[in-house]
Amino acid sequence: MTSTASSMDLRQGQAPHDRRPSWQQRLRRFGYVPAKDAPTGDVRDRLVPPYAEPSPRLWRALGVPPVLAERITRWSGWGGPLLVTLLAGVLRFWNLGSPRAVIFDETYYAKDAWALVHRGFEVSWDKYGKGANDLVLQQHGSLAVPTDPAYVVHPPVGKYVIGLGELVFGFDPFGWRFMTALLGTLSVLMLCRIGRRIFRSTFLGCLAGALMAVDGLHFVMSRTSLLDGVLMFFVVAAFGCLVVDRDRAREALAAALPVGEDGRVRPNAQVADAFRFGWRPWRWTAGVMLGLAVGTKWNGLYVLAAFCVMTVLWDVGTRKVAGASRPYVAALKYDTGLAFVATVPVALVVYVASWTGWILSPTDGTGGYYRDWAATDGKGGLWSFLPDWLRSLWHYEHEVYKFHVHLDQPHTYQSNPWSWIVLGRPVSYFYESPSPGADGCPADAGQKCAREVLAIGTPLLWWAACFAIGYVLWRWAFRRDWRAGAIACGIAAGYLPWFLYQERTIFLFYAVVFLPFLCLAVAMMIGAIVGPPGSSDTRRVVGATAAGVLVLLIAWNFIYFWPLYTGQAIPIDSWRSRMWLDTWV
């Protein structure tokens, strides 16, 4: 019976990797690669992959001499991102003071920022009545700053950033938009460099930055003094720091692994299980950036938590590639504690430090809102041994929390997060209907024009991002691609928490926080469309053509919506032609 069974065993003679459970065989159809089938080679190249370089055939086709080609390649790592950033900067700073008005929530943040940089805390402008904004525009910085404290529901970092521009350029639209335009421009540079580092491709990195440079939501938020653009900058900065930290850690571990007689670096469990990464300044810098993010808006807390988990998993992956026998145990023993200290406590210290102006304000009722709470309503109690400023600050934060979780007042432009990714309900920051011959409306228009600043992403980019999200999730789940996982983490950290507050009054422009990761996802998808290395010429030509058409359509779409991003007066029929969905009106 035994011999019969053996003769019927169809697995005889098969390689071990063909004896997988059926679930693995089924997953292979979707691109799943088991660990035992993962590419083998020099572990150094897996820990620190080399950057892609343009093919010599490309340079020959363009008639570029080899010496010049080598020089271009060497300088393109910074030259390409800087050119993309220059384009983004020109677009964002062009006519930055227009519209010359206090638009949307600038009515809060521009004035709060001015008060913060002069008094250290926000004040109430009610003494000037409903005409406060007009007085600000008329008198610039000569308008006396009130003294009565105001109850505000966002931390001060973003307003300090806006106020820095006001200090330098004045209390007017250009002044209070300068820093958001600057940070928006710098975020494009950072995304180019981040994309280059994770994709190991200057082209794909610059493509990700260029996509964000021509996104309408990022453009509008860079030209408006709201907090979300500042938050986005710090989130991207923290992500970039963690990506650099990942590379530095892998380089250090690769250097510690033994080199064989053939010159190749091989896995070593003894080294990988006990290696200590030591001082990791980029991780500490990320902690500072995350503290500034939380100090701008509280939803930075979700990003902080997600990035902490992500960076620990990166450490596990690093040790696993290096041959660790128990990578999770090693990471828990040597990495997790330091990762926590470098992020959470550092972020907390930065957050508390951002309230210094409020903390140092008077406690006799003329200082910041609730600054005197511990000395008045909060006297006594279990926590009276703590400093008054700390108890007052904690009370303030508790009241702000109650405000946020119970904010359900209807608003014309509020939207459900389900609709954000398809741009279901954009927010109109500014709208006027100038008559023919006035405020840029053509004299021969025949009827009134429309002049609007609409906070909406470039539609074709966002709709392409819907497919890109599916692609990166597939790459992460079935190809175990860490780049896709990192991008998915950034999107999830900025997007998914809002589904917990679907009854809250929330807006589409909150999505600018995870927009950079959407651009990375689209760039990654376009790279796949172009084709992997080693593809045939026909495959590359077809892929490059399709990718080029998509990029050009996105750029055209941005140009087409340009009047709605900049508040230019256009005939009402032209405005209607750009209202592609009824919910955009």
Protein backbone atom coordinates (compact mmCIF):
# COMPACT_ATOMS: atom_id res chain seq x y z
CA MET A 1 0.00 0.00 0.00
CA THR A 2 2.87 2.28 0.81
CA SER A 3 4.56 1.70 -2.51
CA THR A 4 1.29 2.34 -4.35
CA ALA A 5 0.77 5.58 -2.54
CA SER A 6 4.32 6.64 -3.30
CA SER A 7 3.88 5.87 -6.97
CA MET A 8 0.73 8.02 -7.07
CA ASP A 9 2.43 11.02 -5.41
CA LEU A 10 2.55 13.58 -8.22
CA ARG A 11 4.96 15.74 -6.21
CA GLN A 12 7.84 13.34 -6.64
CA GLY A 13 10.80 15.02 -8.27
CA GLN A 14 9.41 18.51 -7.79
CA ALA A 15 11.51 21.26 -6.28
CA PRO A 16 10.63 22.15 -2.67
CA HIS A 17 9.14 25.49 -3.65
CA ASP A 18 6.56 23.68 -5.83
CA ARG A 19 5.17 21.90 -2.77
CA ARG A 20 3.49 24.97 -1.36
CA PRO A 21 0.04 24.98 0.17
CA SER A 22 -2.62 25.64 -2.42
CA TRP A 23 -3.35 29.13 -1.03
CA GLN A 24 0.17 30.22 -1.96
CA GLN A 25 -0.20 28.80 -5.44
CA ARG A 26 -3.44 30.70 -5.89
CA LEU A 27 -1.92 33.93 -4.60
CA ARG A 28 0.92 33.64 -7.12
CA ARG A 29 -1.61 34.45 -9.82
CA PHE A 30 -2.00 37.86 -8.21
CA GLY A 31 1.71 38.49 -7.95
CA TYR A 32 2.34 37.10 -4.44
CA VAL A 33 5.99 36.14 -3.99
CA PRO A 34 6.79 33.82 -1.03
CA ALA A 35 9.85 34.71 0.98
CA LYS A 36 11.72 31.60 -0.17
CA ASP A 37 11.21 32.74 -3.78
CA ALA A 38 12.36 36.31 -3.13
CA PRO A 39 15.25 37.45 -5.30
CA THR A 40 18.62 36.35 -4.02
CA GLY A 41 21.92 38.11 -4.48
CA ASP A 42 24.15 40.51 -2.65
CA VAL A 43 22.30 41.45 0.52
CA ARG A 44 23.90 44.88 0.31
CA ASP A 45 21.91 45.59 -2.86
CA ARG A 46 18.70 44.52 -1.15
CA LEU A 47 19.37 46.66 1.89
CA VAL A 48 20.55 49.69 -0.10
CA PRO A 49 19.32 49.40 -3.71
CA PRO A 50 21.27 51.46 -6.26
CA TYR A 51 19.69 54.41 -8.04
CA ALA A 52 18.49 53.87 -11.58
CA GLU A 53 20.44 55.62 -14.32
CA PRO A 54 19.27 56.53 -17.83
CA SER A 55 20.16 53.96 -20.44
CA PRO A 56 23.20 54.77 -22.63
CA ARG A 57 20.92 54.16 -25.59
CA LEU A 58 18.87 57.18 -24.57
CA TRP A 59 21.89 59.44 -24.48
CA ARG A 60 23.08 58.13 -27.85
CA ALA A 61 19.64 58.71 -29.35
CA LEU A 62 19.71 62.29 -28.07
CA GLY A 63 23.25 62.81 -29.34
CA VAL A 64 24.65 63.56 -25.86
CA PRO A 65 28.41 62.83 -25.47
CA PRO A 66 29.23 60.25 -22.74
CA VAL A 67 31.11 62.77 -20.56
CA LEU A 68 28.22 65.25 -20.64
CA ALA A 69 25.72 62.43 -20.05
CA GLU A 70 27.60 61.35 -16.93
CA ARG A 71 27.65 64.92 -15.65
CA ILE A 72 23.93 65.40 -16.29
CA THR A 73 23.16 62.16 -14.46
CA ARG A 74 25.30 63.18 -11.50
CA TRP A 75 23.67 66.58 -11.12
CA SER A 76 20.10 65.53 -11.95
CA GLY A 77 19.50 64.27 -8.40
CA TRP A 78 19.25 67.89 -7.27
CA GLY A 79 18.93 69.69 -10.58
CA GLY A 80 15.67 67.99 -11.55
CA PRO A 81 13.91 68.60 -8.22
CA LEU A 82 15.09 72.21 -8.16
CA LEU A 83 13.67 72.85 -11.64
CA VAL A 84 10.32 71.38 -10.61
CA THR A 85 10.41 73.48 -7.44
CA LEU A 86 11.16 76.61 -9.45
CA LEU A 87 8.06 75.97 -11.55
CA ALA A 88 5.97 75.40 -8.42
CA GLY A 89 7.31 78.57 -6.80
CA VAL A 90 6.62 80.76 -9.82
CA LEU A 91 3.05 79.47 -9.98
CA ARG A 92 2.42 79.96 -6.27
CA PHE A 93 3.99 83.39 -5.81
CA TRP A 94 2.61 84.90 -9.00
CA ASN A 95 0.12 87.61 -8.01
CA LEU A 96 -0.05 86.10 -4.52
CA GLY A 97 -1.87 89.11 -3.06
CA SER A 98 -4.90 88.51 -5.30
CA PRO A 99 -7.71 88.47 -4.44
CA ARG A 100 -7.05 91.42 -2.21
CA ALA A 101 -9.54 90.26 0.36
CA VAL A 102 -9.82 88.20 3.53
CA ILE A 103 -11.04 84.95 2.01
CA PHE A 104 -12.74 82.06 3.81
CA ASP A 105 -11.03 81.14 7.11
CA GLU A 106 -8.31 83.74 6.64
CA THR A 107 -10.69 85.82 8.71
CA TYR A 108 -9.55 83.72 11.70
CA TYR A 109 -5.99 82.65 11.04
CA ALA A 110 -4.57 85.83 9.53
CA LYS A 111 -5.72 87.88 12.51
CA ASP A 112 -4.84 85.20 15.05
CA ALA A 113 -1.35 85.02 13.60
CA TRP A 114 -0.91 88.79 13.85
CA ALA A 115 -2.02 88.71 17.49
CA LEU A 116 0.26 85.77 18.33
CA VAL A 117 3.42 87.40 17.03
CA HIS A 118 2.58 90.62 18.92
CA ARG A 119 0.95 89.42 22.14
CA GLY A 120 1.78 85.71 22.41
CA PHE A 121 -1.88 84.65 22.40
CA GLU A 122 -4.96 85.07 20.23
CA VAL A 123 -7.31 87.98 20.86
CA SER A 124 -10.89 88.89 20.09
CA TRP A 125 -11.40 91.38 17.26
CA ASP A 126 -15.07 91.95 18.11
CA LYS A 127 -14.36 95.54 19.18
CA TYR A 128 -14.06 96.42 15.49
CA GLY A 129 -17.41 94.82 14.67
CA LYS A 130 -18.28 93.28 11.32
CA GLY A 131 -15.99 95.69 9.52
CA ALA A 132 -12.82 94.30 11.10
CA ASN A 133 -11.63 92.71 7.86
CA ASP A 134 -12.13 95.94 5.92
CA LEU A 135 -10.15 97.84 8.55
CA VAL A 136 -7.33 95.31 8.32
CA LEU A 137 -7.14 95.79 4.55
CA GLN A 138 -7.28 99.56 4.84
CA GLN A 139 -4.87 100.16 7.71
CA HIS A 140 -2.46 97.21 7.30
CA GLY A 141 -0.27 96.90 10.38
CA SER A 142 -1.31 100.23 11.89
CA LEU A 143 -4.54 98.77 13.27
CA ALA A 144 -4.22 98.41 17.03
CA VAL A 145 -4.20 94.82 18.24
CA PRO A 146 -6.99 94.21 20.79
CA THR A 147 -6.17 92.97 24.28
CA ASP A 148 -9.14 90.73 25.16
CA PRO A 149 -8.22 87.02 24.82
CA ALA A 150 -10.08 84.84 22.34
CA TYR A 151 -11.14 81.21 22.62
CA VAL A 152 -9.53 79.35 19.69
CA VAL A 153 -9.61 75.63 18.94
CA HIS A 154 -6.32 74.99 17.14
CA PRO A 155 -2.76 74.97 18.56
CA PRO A 156 -0.49 77.91 17.75
CA VAL A 157 2.30 76.54 15.50
CA GLY A 158 0.57 77.10 12.17
CA LYS A 159 -0.45 80.60 13.17
CA TYR A 160 3.08 81.44 14.24
CA VAL A 161 4.23 80.31 10.79
CA ILE A 162 1.68 82.59 9.11
CA GLY A 163 2.59 85.42 11.47
CA LEU A 164 6.24 85.21 10.46
CA GLY A 165 5.26 86.21 6.94
CA GLU A 166 3.14 89.03 8.31
CA LEU A 167 6.05 90.36 10.38
CA VAL A 168 8.29 90.48 7.32
CA PHE A 169 5.88 91.57 4.58
CA GLY A 170 3.07 93.29 6.45
CA PHE A 171 -0.43 92.65 7.70
CA ASP A 172 -2.01 92.28 4.25
CA PRO A 173 -2.95 89.41 1.88
CA PHE A 174 0.57 88.97 0.52
CA GLY A 175 2.03 88.98 4.03
CA TRP A 176 -0.32 86.42 5.52
CA ARG A 177 -0.08 84.14 2.45
CA PHE A 178 3.69 84.32 2.03
CA MET A 179 4.66 81.52 4.40
CA THR A 180 2.00 79.09 3.14
CA ALA A 181 3.23 79.76 -0.41
CA LEU A 182 6.82 79.20 0.69
CA LEU A 183 6.02 75.97 2.53
CA GLY A 184 3.89 74.78 -0.37
CA THR A 185 6.82 75.36 -2.72
CA LEU A 186 9.30 73.64 -0.41
CA SER A 187 6.96 70.68 -0.01
CA VAL A 188 7.25 70.11 -3.76
CA LEU A 189 11.04 70.01 -3.42
CA MET A 190 10.79 67.57 -0.53
CA LEU A 191 8.40 65.31 -2.42
CA CYS A 192 10.74 65.21 -5.42
CA ARG A 193 13.61 64.14 -3.20
CA ILE A 194 11.49 61.68 -1.21
CA GLY A 195 10.13 60.12 -4.40
CA ARG A 196 13.64 59.85 -5.81
CA ARG A 197 14.85 58.12 -2.68
CA ILE A 198 12.06 55.57 -2.33
CA PHE A 199 11.74 54.80 -6.05
CA ARG A 200 15.50 55.04 -6.66
CA SER A 201 14.59 57.06 -9.74
CA THR A 202 15.12 60.77 -10.31
CA PHE A 203 12.47 60.72 -13.01
CA LEU A 204 9.74 59.25 -10.82
CA GLY A 205 10.70 61.51 -7.91
CA CYS A 206 10.47 64.62 -10.08
CA LEU A 207 7.23 63.32 -11.56
CA ALA A 208 5.66 63.01 -8.10
CA GLY A 209 6.71 66.57 -7.26
CA ALA A 210 5.50 67.88 -10.62
CA LEU A 211 2.11 66.26 -10.12
CA MET A 212 1.75 68.04 -6.79
CA ALA A 213 2.96 71.29 -8.36
CA VAL A 214 0.01 71.19 -10.77
CA ASP A 215 -2.60 70.00 -8.31
CA GLY A 216 -5.31 72.57 -7.76
CA LEU A 217 -5.95 71.84 -4.10
CA HIS A 218 -2.28 72.07 -3.18
CA PHE A 219 -2.01 75.24 -5.29
CA VAL A 220 -4.98 76.96 -3.63
CA MET A 221 -3.93 75.91 -0.14
CA SER A 222 -0.43 77.26 -0.83
CA ARG A 223 -1.97 80.64 -1.68
CA THR A 224 -4.31 80.85 1.32
CA SER A 225 -3.40 81.36 4.97
CA LEU A 226 -5.08 78.27 6.37
CA LEU A 227 -3.50 75.75 8.71
CA ASP A 228 -3.87 72.59 6.64
CA GLY A 229 -1.14 73.51 4.18
CA VAL A 230 1.26 74.09 7.07
CA LEU A 231 0.26 70.73 8.57
CA MET A 232 0.89 69.03 5.22
CA PHE A 233 4.40 70.50 5.11
CA PHE A 234 5.37 69.12 8.51
CA VAL A 235 3.86 65.71 7.70
CA VAL A 236 5.87 65.47 4.48
CA ALA A 237 8.99 66.66 6.30
CA ALA A 238 8.55 63.99 8.99
CA PHE A 239 8.00 61.30 6.37
CA GLY A 240 11.11 62.40 4.50
CA CYS A 241 13.18 62.28 7.68
CA LEU A 242 12.01 58.75 8.40
CA VAL A 243 12.80 57.62 4.85
CA VAL A 244 16.33 59.01 5.17
CA ASP A 245 16.64 57.34 8.59
CA ARG A 246 15.60 54.04 7.03
CA ASP A 247 18.30 54.32 4.39
CA ARG A 248 20.96 55.29 6.93
CA ALA A 249 20.05 52.36 9.20
CA ARG A 250 20.17 49.88 6.33
CA GLU A 251 23.51 51.27 5.16
CA ALA A 252 24.93 50.83 8.66
CA LEU A 253 23.70 47.25 8.95
CA ALA A 254 24.93 46.39 5.45
CA ALA A 255 28.38 47.67 6.39
CA ALA A 256 28.39 45.44 9.48
CA LEU A 257 27.57 42.21 7.63
CA PRO A 258 30.45 39.89 6.70
CA VAL A 259 31.77 39.86 3.15
CA GLY A 260 32.39 36.48 1.50
CA GLU A 261 35.43 35.46 -0.48
CA ASP A 262 33.61 36.35 -3.68
CA GLY A 263 33.10 39.90 -2.41
CA ARG A 264 29.37 39.49 -1.86
CA VAL A 265 27.62 40.43 1.37
CA ARG A 266 25.51 37.63 2.80
CA PRO A 267 22.92 37.45 5.59
CA ASN A 268 24.23 36.80 9.07
CA ALA A 269 21.85 36.01 11.92
CA GLN A 270 24.37 36.78 14.64
CA VAL A 271 24.98 40.30 13.35
CA ALA A 272 21.37 41.04 12.38
CA ASP A 273 19.95 39.86 15.73
CA ALA A 274 22.28 41.95 17.89
CA PHE A 275 23.11 45.01 15.78
CA ARG A 276 22.54 48.39 17.42
CA PHE A 277 21.81 51.30 15.11
CA GLY A 278 22.98 53.85 17.65
CA TRP A 279 22.25 57.56 17.40
CA ARG A 280 19.65 58.20 14.70
CA PRO A 281 19.39 61.98 14.26
CA TRP A 282 16.96 61.77 11.36
CA ARG A 283 14.47 59.92 13.55
CA TRP A 284 14.75 62.59 16.25
CA THR A 285 14.27 65.27 13.60
CA ALA A 286 11.14 63.43 12.48
CA GLY A 287 9.92 63.62 16.09
CA VAL A 288 10.36 67.40 16.02
CA MET A 289 8.47 67.64 12.72
CA LEU A 290 5.64 65.50 14.08
CA GLY A 291 5.47 67.70 17.17
CA LEU A 292 5.14 70.75 14.94
CA ALA A 293 2.44 68.93 12.96
CA VAL A 294 0.41 68.19 16.11
CA GLY A 295 1.07 71.77 17.21
CA THR A 296 -0.59 72.95 14.00
CA LYS A 297 -3.70 70.76 14.07
CA TRP A 298 -4.57 67.83 16.28
CA ASN A 299 -5.14 65.40 13.42
CA GLY A 300 -1.35 65.26 13.30
CA LEU A 301 -1.70 62.82 16.23
CA TYR A 302 -2.97 60.13 13.87
CA VAL A 303 0.00 60.69 11.60
CA LEU A 304 2.33 60.45 14.60
CA ALA A 305 0.87 57.08 15.62
CA ALA A 306 0.91 55.68 12.08
CA PHE A 307 4.48 56.78 11.37
CA CYS A 308 5.70 55.30 14.67
CA VAL A 309 4.30 51.89 13.73
CA MET A 310 5.64 52.20 10.20
CA THR A 311 9.21 52.98 11.23
CA VAL A 312 9.32 50.05 13.68
CA LEU A 313 8.11 47.71 10.92
CA TRP A 314 10.86 49.12 8.71
CA ASP A 315 13.39 48.14 11.36
CA VAL A 316 11.93 44.63 11.47
CA GLY A 317 12.21 44.38 7.69
CA THR A 318 15.79 45.63 7.78
CA ARG A 319 16.84 42.95 10.26
CA LYS A 320 14.92 40.27 8.38
CA VAL A 321 16.70 41.05 5.10
CA ALA A 322 20.04 40.98 6.96
CA GLY A 323 19.27 37.44 8.13
CA ALA A 324 17.94 37.91 11.67
CA SER A 325 16.54 34.70 13.11
CA ARG A 326 14.05 36.61 15.28
CA PRO A 327 13.65 40.03 13.66
CA TYR A 328 10.60 41.05 15.70
CA VAL A 329 12.27 40.18 18.98
CA ALA A 330 15.45 42.00 17.95
CA ALA A 331 13.50 45.08 16.86
CA LEU A 332 11.48 45.07 20.09
CA LYS A 333 14.65 44.75 22.15
CA TYR A 334 16.90 47.26 20.41
CA ASP A 335 14.72 49.56 18.29
CA THR A 336 11.19 50.06 19.59
CA GLY A 337 12.08 51.85 22.83
CA LEU A 338 14.40 54.32 21.16
CA ALA A 339 11.90 54.83 18.33
CA PHE A 340 9.26 55.72 20.90
CA VAL A 341 11.53 58.15 22.76
CA ALA A 342 12.66 59.84 19.55
CA THR A 343 9.11 60.48 18.41
CA VAL A 344 6.38 60.58 21.05
CA PRO A 345 8.15 62.37 23.96
CA VAL A 346 9.98 64.67 21.54
CA ALA A 347 6.72 65.54 19.81
CA LEU A 348 5.08 66.18 23.19
CA VAL A 349 7.88 68.51 24.29
CA VAL A 350 7.70 70.42 21.01
CA TYR A 351 3.92 70.68 21.32
CA VAL A 352 4.04 72.09 24.86
CA ALA A 353 6.87 74.45 23.90
CA SER A 354 4.70 75.86 21.12
CA TRP A 355 2.39 77.25 23.83
CA THR A 356 5.18 79.30 25.39
CA GLY A 357 3.58 82.62 24.47
CA TRP A 358 0.33 81.59 26.13
CA ILE A 359 2.16 80.15 29.16
CA LEU A 360 4.14 83.35 29.73
CA SER A 361 1.10 85.59 29.35
CA PRO A 362 -0.34 87.26 32.50
CA THR A 363 -2.49 85.24 34.89
CA ASP A 364 -4.61 88.17 36.06
CA GLY A 365 -7.25 87.78 33.35
CA THR A 366 -5.42 89.87 30.75
CA GLY A 367 -3.42 86.93 29.38
CA GLY A 368 -4.41 84.06 27.11
CA TYR A 369 -7.84 82.48 27.25
CA TYR A 370 -8.16 80.18 30.32
CA ARG A 371 -4.63 81.18 31.39
CA ASP A 372 -5.99 82.08 34.85
CA TRP A 373 -8.25 79.02 35.16
CA ALA A 374 -6.07 77.19 37.72
CA ALA A 375 -5.98 80.29 39.93
CA THR A 376 -9.75 80.89 39.73
CA ASP A 377 -12.26 78.20 38.78
CA GLY A 378 -9.69 75.40 38.98
CA LYS A 379 -8.46 76.01 42.52
CA GLY A 380 -7.81 72.96 44.67
CA GLY A 381 -8.52 69.42 43.58
CA LEU A 382 -6.48 66.27 43.18
CA TRP A 383 -3.98 67.77 40.74
CA SER A 384 -3.29 71.00 42.60
CA PHE A 385 0.36 69.98 43.11
CA LEU A 386 0.99 70.56 39.39
CA PRO A 387 2.04 74.01 38.15
CA ASP A 388 -0.89 76.33 37.49
CA TRP A 389 0.12 76.84 33.86
CA LEU A 390 0.03 73.09 33.21
CA ARG A 391 -3.38 72.60 34.82
CA SER A 392 -4.77 75.60 32.95
CA LEU A 393 -3.37 74.31 29.67
CA TRP A 394 -4.82 70.86 30.31
CA HIS A 395 -8.23 72.39 30.99
CA TYR A 396 -7.99 74.41 27.79
CA GLU A 397 -7.11 71.29 25.80
CA HIS A 398 -10.01 69.39 27.34
CA GLU A 399 -12.45 72.12 26.35
CA VAL A 400 -11.05 72.17 22.82
CA TYR A 401 -11.47 68.41 22.59
CA LYS A 402 -15.15 68.67 23.55
CA PHE A 403 -15.60 71.36 20.90
CA HIS A 404 -14.09 69.23 18.15
CA VAL A 405 -16.00 66.03 18.88
CA HIS A 406 -19.33 67.85 19.12
CA LEU A 407 -18.89 70.15 16.12
CA ASP A 408 -21.88 69.32 13.93
CA GLN A 409 -23.18 72.73 12.88
CA PRO A 410 -24.22 72.49 9.21
CA HIS A 411 -22.11 74.33 6.63
CA THR A 412 -22.77 74.94 2.96
CA TYR A 413 -19.51 73.36 1.87
CA GLN A 414 -19.17 70.51 4.35
CA SER A 415 -18.66 67.06 2.85
CA ASN A 416 -18.42 63.43 3.83
CA PRO A 417 -14.91 61.90 3.57
CA TRP A 418 -16.28 59.23 1.22
CA SER A 419 -16.59 61.94 -1.42
CA TRP A 420 -13.17 63.53 -0.98
CA ILE A 421 -11.19 61.17 -3.16
CA VAL A 422 -13.47 61.90 -6.13
CA LEU A 423 -13.72 65.65 -5.32
CA GLY A 424 -17.41 65.43 -4.56
CA ARG A 425 -17.85 68.76 -2.77
CA PRO A 426 -15.10 71.40 -3.12
CA VAL A 427 -15.04 74.57 -1.03
CA SER A 428 -15.48 78.03 -2.50
CA TYR A 429 -13.11 80.39 -0.68
CA PHE A 430 -14.06 83.51 -2.61
CA TYR A 431 -16.72 84.48 -5.14
CA GLU A 432 -17.70 87.73 -6.85
CA SER A 433 -19.79 88.61 -9.90
CA PRO A 434 -18.12 91.65 -11.49
CA SER A 435 -19.95 93.53 -14.20
CA PRO A 436 -18.51 93.83 -17.72
CA GLY A 437 -15.52 96.17 -17.74
CA ALA A 438 -14.91 95.88 -13.97
CA ASP A 439 -12.43 93.77 -11.95
CA GLY A 440 -11.06 91.98 -14.99
CA CYS A 441 -14.42 91.11 -16.55
CA PRO A 442 -14.18 91.68 -20.34
CA ALA A 443 -16.11 94.73 -21.47
CA ASP A 444 -17.75 92.68 -24.22
CA ALA A 445 -18.81 89.86 -21.92
CA GLY A 446 -22.46 90.78 -22.37
CA GLN A 447 -23.31 89.69 -18.83
CA LYS A 448 -21.71 89.48 -15.42
CA CYS A 449 -18.59 87.39 -14.96
CA ALA A 450 -17.67 84.91 -12.27
CA ARG A 451 -14.59 85.38 -10.11
CA GLU A 452 -13.95 82.47 -7.78
CA VAL A 453 -11.23 80.78 -5.74
CA LEU A 454 -12.32 77.15 -5.56
CA ALA A 455 -10.43 74.70 -3.33
CA ILE A 456 -10.56 71.66 -5.57
CA GLY A 457 -7.88 69.27 -6.72
CA THR A 458 -6.99 68.83 -10.38
CA PRO A 459 -9.80 66.40 -11.26
CA LEU A 460 -7.90 64.09 -13.61
CA LEU A 461 -5.07 63.75 -11.08
CA TRP A 462 -7.42 62.80 -8.25
CA TRP A 463 -9.45 60.43 -10.39
CA ALA A 464 -6.24 58.78 -11.55
CA ALA A 465 -5.26 58.55 -7.88
CA CYS A 466 -8.32 56.36 -7.24
CA PHE A 467 -6.73 53.70 -9.47
CA ALA A 468 -3.28 54.42 -8.05
CA ILE A 469 -4.51 53.65 -4.52
CA GLY A 470 -5.72 50.27 -5.71
CA TYR A 471 -2.36 49.68 -7.39
CA VAL A 472 -0.26 50.47 -4.31
CA LEU A 473 -2.51 48.32 -2.12
CA TRP A 474 -1.98 45.44 -4.55
CA ARG A 475 1.77 46.03 -4.57
CA TRP A 476 1.81 46.10 -0.78
CA ALA A 477 -0.40 43.04 -0.21
CA PHE A 478 0.84 40.75 -2.96
CA ARG A 479 4.30 42.01 -3.85
CA ARG A 480 5.21 43.06 -0.32
CA ASP A 481 6.62 46.28 -1.71
CA TRP A 482 7.65 48.51 1.21
CA ARG A 483 7.33 51.61 -0.96
CA ALA A 484 3.67 50.87 -1.61
CA GLY A 485 3.17 50.19 2.10
CA ALA A 486 4.76 53.51 3.05
CA ILE A 487 2.58 55.40 0.57
CA ALA A 488 -0.53 53.57 1.77
CA CYS A 489 0.40 54.42 5.36
CA GLY A 490 0.64 58.12 4.53
CA ILE A 491 -2.74 58.08 2.79
CA ALA A 492 -4.39 56.10 5.58
CA ALA A 493 -2.98 58.33 8.35
CA GLY A 494 -4.33 61.48 6.73
CA TYR A 495 -7.59 60.08 5.40
CA LEU A 496 -9.06 57.19 7.38
CA PRO A 497 -9.38 58.95 10.78
CA TRP A 498 -11.98 61.31 9.31
CA PHE A 499 -14.33 58.36 8.82
CA LEU A 500 -14.64 58.26 12.61
CA TYR A 501 -16.23 61.73 12.49
CA GLN A 502 -18.64 61.50 9.59
CA GLU A 503 -21.27 63.45 11.52
CA ARG A 504 -18.78 66.25 12.22
CA THR A 505 -18.57 69.39 10.10
CA ILE A 506 -15.56 68.60 7.89
CA PHE A 507 -14.33 69.78 4.51
CA LEU A 508 -12.59 68.50 1.40
CA PHE A 509 -9.54 70.72 1.85
CA TYR A 510 -8.51 68.60 4.87
CA ALA A 511 -7.41 66.09 2.23
CA VAL A 512 -4.38 68.23 1.34
CA VAL A 513 -2.56 66.46 4.20
CA PHE A 514 -2.47 63.13 2.35
CA LEU A 515 -2.29 64.63 -1.14
CA PRO A 516 1.53 64.21 -1.37
CA PHE A 517 1.09 60.46 -0.90
CA LEU A 518 -1.55 60.39 -3.63
CA CYS A 519 1.00 61.99 -5.94
CA LEU A 520 3.58 59.36 -4.97
CA ALA A 521 1.00 56.66 -5.68
CA VAL A 522 0.22 58.08 -9.12
CA ALA A 523 3.94 58.39 -9.90
CA MET A 524 4.45 54.76 -8.88
CA MET A 525 1.55 53.67 -11.07
CA ILE A 526 2.91 55.67 -14.01
CA GLY A 527 6.28 53.99 -13.52
CA ALA A 528 4.53 50.63 -13.83
CA ILE A 529 2.73 51.82 -16.96
CA VAL A 530 6.04 52.80 -18.56
CA GLY A 531 7.32 49.30 -17.86
CA PRO A 532 9.86 47.57 -15.64
CA PRO A 533 13.58 47.35 -16.48
CA GLY A 534 14.25 44.80 -19.18
CA SER A 535 10.97 45.39 -20.99
CA SER A 536 10.96 45.14 -24.76
CA ASP A 537 11.21 48.27 -26.87
CA THR A 538 7.60 47.86 -27.97
CA ARG A 539 6.43 47.57 -24.37
CA ARG A 540 8.38 50.65 -23.38
CA VAL A 541 7.12 52.73 -26.31
CA VAL A 542 3.49 51.83 -25.63
CA GLY A 543 3.90 52.36 -21.89
CA ALA A 544 5.74 55.66 -22.24
CA THR A 545 3.12 56.93 -24.69
CA ALA A 546 0.25 56.04 -22.35
CA ALA A 547 2.05 57.55 -19.35
CA GLY A 548 2.91 60.70 -21.29
CA VAL A 549 -0.69 61.17 -22.41
CA LEU A 550 -1.90 60.83 -18.81
CA VAL A 551 0.62 63.37 -17.50
CA LEU A 552 -0.17 65.84 -20.28
CA LEU A 553 -3.89 65.51 -19.61
CA ILE A 554 -3.33 66.25 -15.93
CA ALA A 555 -1.25 69.32 -16.80
CA TRP A 556 -3.90 70.48 -19.27
CA ASN A 557 -6.58 69.97 -16.64
CA PHE A 558 -4.69 72.24 -14.22
CA ILE A 559 -4.37 74.94 -16.90
CA TYR A 560 -8.06 74.63 -17.74
CA PHE A 561 -9.08 75.20 -14.11
CA TRP A 562 -6.47 77.92 -13.56
CA PRO A 563 -9.06 80.77 -13.47
CA LEU A 564 -10.92 78.99 -10.66
CA TYR A 565 -7.72 78.56 -8.65
CA THR A 566 -6.61 82.18 -8.94
CA GLY A 567 -9.85 84.15 -8.79
CA GLN A 568 -9.64 85.47 -12.34
CA ALA A 569 -12.80 86.93 -13.80
CA ILE A 570 -14.22 84.80 -16.64
CA PRO A 571 -17.55 84.94 -18.49
CA ILE A 572 -20.26 83.12 -16.63
CA ASP A 573 -20.63 80.57 -19.44
CA SER A 574 -16.92 79.71 -19.14
CA TRP A 575 -17.38 79.31 -15.42
CA ARG A 576 -20.37 76.99 -15.92
CA SER A 577 -18.40 74.87 -18.39
CA ARG A 578 -15.93 74.14 -15.58
CA MET A 579 -18.62 72.98 -13.16
CA TRP A 580 -18.32 69.35 -14.22
CA LEU A 581 -20.42 68.08 -11.32
CA ASP A 582 -23.58 69.62 -9.89
CA THR A 583 -22.08 69.41 -6.40
CA TRP A 584 -19.28 71.81 -7.39
CA VAL A 585 -21.68 74.76 -7.48
